[in-house]
Protein backbone atom coordinates (compact mmCIF):
# COMPACT_ATOMS: atom_id res chain seq x y z
CA UNK A 1 9.33 -0.14 75.14
CA UNK A 2 10.54 -2.02 78.20
CA UNK A 3 14.13 -1.68 77.01
CA UNK A 4 13.66 2.06 76.43
CA UNK A 5 12.22 2.49 79.92
CA UNK A 6 15.09 0.47 81.41
CA UNK A 7 17.61 2.61 79.53
CA UNK A 8 16.21 6.10 80.16
CA UNK A 9 13.47 6.14 82.82
CA UNK A 10 15.67 6.75 85.86
CA UNK A 11 17.38 9.71 84.25
CA UNK A 12 14.43 11.27 82.45
CA UNK A 13 11.79 11.00 85.18
CA UNK A 14 13.71 13.56 87.25
CA UNK A 15 13.89 16.19 84.50
CA UNK A 16 11.84 19.34 85.09
CA UNK A 17 11.28 20.05 81.38
CA UNK A 18 10.35 17.91 78.41
CA UNK A 19 13.35 16.33 76.73
CA UNK A 20 12.79 14.76 73.32
CA UNK A 21 15.38 12.16 72.37
CA UNK A 22 16.06 9.77 69.51
CA UNK A 23 17.57 6.35 70.04
CA UNK A 24 19.45 5.58 66.83
CA UNK A 25 19.59 1.93 65.79
CA UNK A 26 21.62 -0.03 63.26
CA UNK A 27 20.30 -2.77 60.95
CA UNK A 28 20.33 -5.27 63.86
CA UNK A 29 18.45 -2.83 66.12
CA UNK A 30 21.52 -2.25 68.26
CA UNK A 31 21.97 1.22 69.70
CA UNK A 32 24.28 3.53 67.80
CA UNK A 33 23.57 6.42 70.14
CA UNK A 34 20.99 8.43 72.03
CA UNK A 35 20.63 12.04 70.91
CA UNK A 36 18.76 14.86 72.60
CA UNK A 37 16.76 16.53 69.85
CA UNK A 38 14.91 19.18 71.84
CA UNK A 39 14.50 20.52 75.36
CA UNK A 40 11.20 22.23 75.92
CA UNK A 41 9.07 23.60 78.72
CA UNK A 42 7.02 21.96 81.44
CA UNK A 43 4.47 20.65 78.96
CA UNK A 44 5.80 21.11 75.44
CA UNK A 45 8.80 20.50 73.26
CA UNK A 46 9.35 21.78 69.72
CA UNK A 47 10.47 18.93 67.49
CA UNK A 48 11.53 19.39 63.88
CA UNK A 49 11.92 16.41 61.57
CA UNK A 50 15.14 17.85 60.18
CA UNK A 51 16.78 17.63 63.63
CA UNK A 52 15.59 14.08 64.26
CA UNK A 53 16.74 12.81 60.90
CA UNK A 54 19.95 14.84 60.80
CA UNK A 55 21.24 12.74 63.69
CA UNK A 56 19.97 9.54 62.06
CA UNK A 57 21.60 10.28 58.71
CA UNK A 58 24.88 11.34 60.33
CA UNK A 59 25.06 8.05 62.27
CA UNK A 60 23.77 5.93 59.35
CA UNK A 61 20.86 4.74 61.47
CA UNK A 62 18.43 2.29 59.93
CA UNK A 63 15.72 2.93 62.53
CA UNK A 64 14.83 5.26 65.39
CA UNK A 65 12.92 4.97 68.63
CA UNK A 66 11.55 8.32 69.77
CA UNK A 67 11.31 9.01 73.49
CA UNK A 68 10.33 11.94 75.63
CA UNK A 69 9.33 12.57 79.20
CA UNK A 70 6.28 14.23 80.71
CA UNK A 71 7.43 16.23 83.77
CA UNK A 72 3.86 16.00 85.11
CA UNK A 73 4.57 12.33 85.73
CA UNK A 74 1.59 11.24 83.61
CA UNK A 75 2.68 9.51 80.37
CA UNK A 76 -0.65 9.70 78.51
CA UNK A 77 -0.06 11.10 75.01
CA UNK A 78 -1.35 14.55 74.13
CA UNK A 79 -2.83 15.40 70.72
CA UNK A 80 0.46 17.18 69.98
CA UNK A 81 2.42 14.00 70.81
CA UNK A 82 0.31 12.05 68.33
CA UNK A 83 0.66 14.73 65.63
CA UNK A 84 4.47 14.90 66.00
CA UNK A 85 4.70 11.11 65.86
CA UNK A 86 2.60 10.94 62.71
CA UNK A 87 4.69 13.65 61.04
CA UNK A 88 7.97 11.92 61.92
CA UNK A 89 6.74 8.48 60.81
CA UNK A 90 5.84 9.94 57.39
CA UNK A 91 9.17 11.76 57.09
CA UNK A 92 11.00 8.57 58.03
CA UNK A 93 9.21 6.63 55.29
CA UNK A 94 10.39 9.15 52.72
CA UNK A 95 13.98 8.90 53.97
CA UNK A 96 13.95 5.12 54.44
CA UNK A 97 14.50 5.39 58.21
CA UNK A 98 11.83 3.58 60.19
CA UNK A 99 10.34 4.96 63.40
CA UNK A 100 9.90 1.81 65.48
CA UNK A 101 8.14 3.41 68.45
CA UNK A 102 7.57 6.60 70.40
CA UNK A 103 7.79 6.01 74.13
CA UNK A 104 6.51 8.60 76.59
CA UNK A 105 8.00 8.34 80.06
CA UNK A 106 6.17 9.40 83.21
CA UNK A 107 7.43 9.29 86.76
CA UNK A 108 6.61 5.60 87.31
CA UNK A 109 5.35 4.19 84.05
CA UNK A 110 5.40 4.74 80.32
CA UNK A 111 3.26 4.58 77.21
CA UNK A 112 4.27 3.08 73.87
CA UNK A 113 2.52 4.72 70.92
CA UNK A 114 3.24 1.59 68.89
CA UNK A 115 1.42 -0.57 71.46
CA UNK A 116 -1.48 1.90 71.37
CA UNK A 117 -1.69 1.50 67.58
CA UNK A 118 -0.45 4.96 66.59
CA UNK A 119 2.56 3.62 64.67
């Protein structure tokens, strides 16, 4: 999660809407690319598994780290964040593409759903 924050925090903390991105990783967990999956509103973003995994399949990613910002500045996960994460983790298992983490960025700090035990 520290690496994700280092990579995207400066850019994403200034966004005025939720942006949901996928960091696509190869078999050595090196970044293949960062894809914006969805741009939402002030407090919500619609995320479909087909869009997340379309990018992963196209790039032959072995794993994904999910990341989105909270424009409120508070990175605490919402019930919707937890539900989306659970849905994507299950879809990834079916496809053989592991979700390593889901990092939520606030204005100054971040939360790792893996560290919280949700992945």
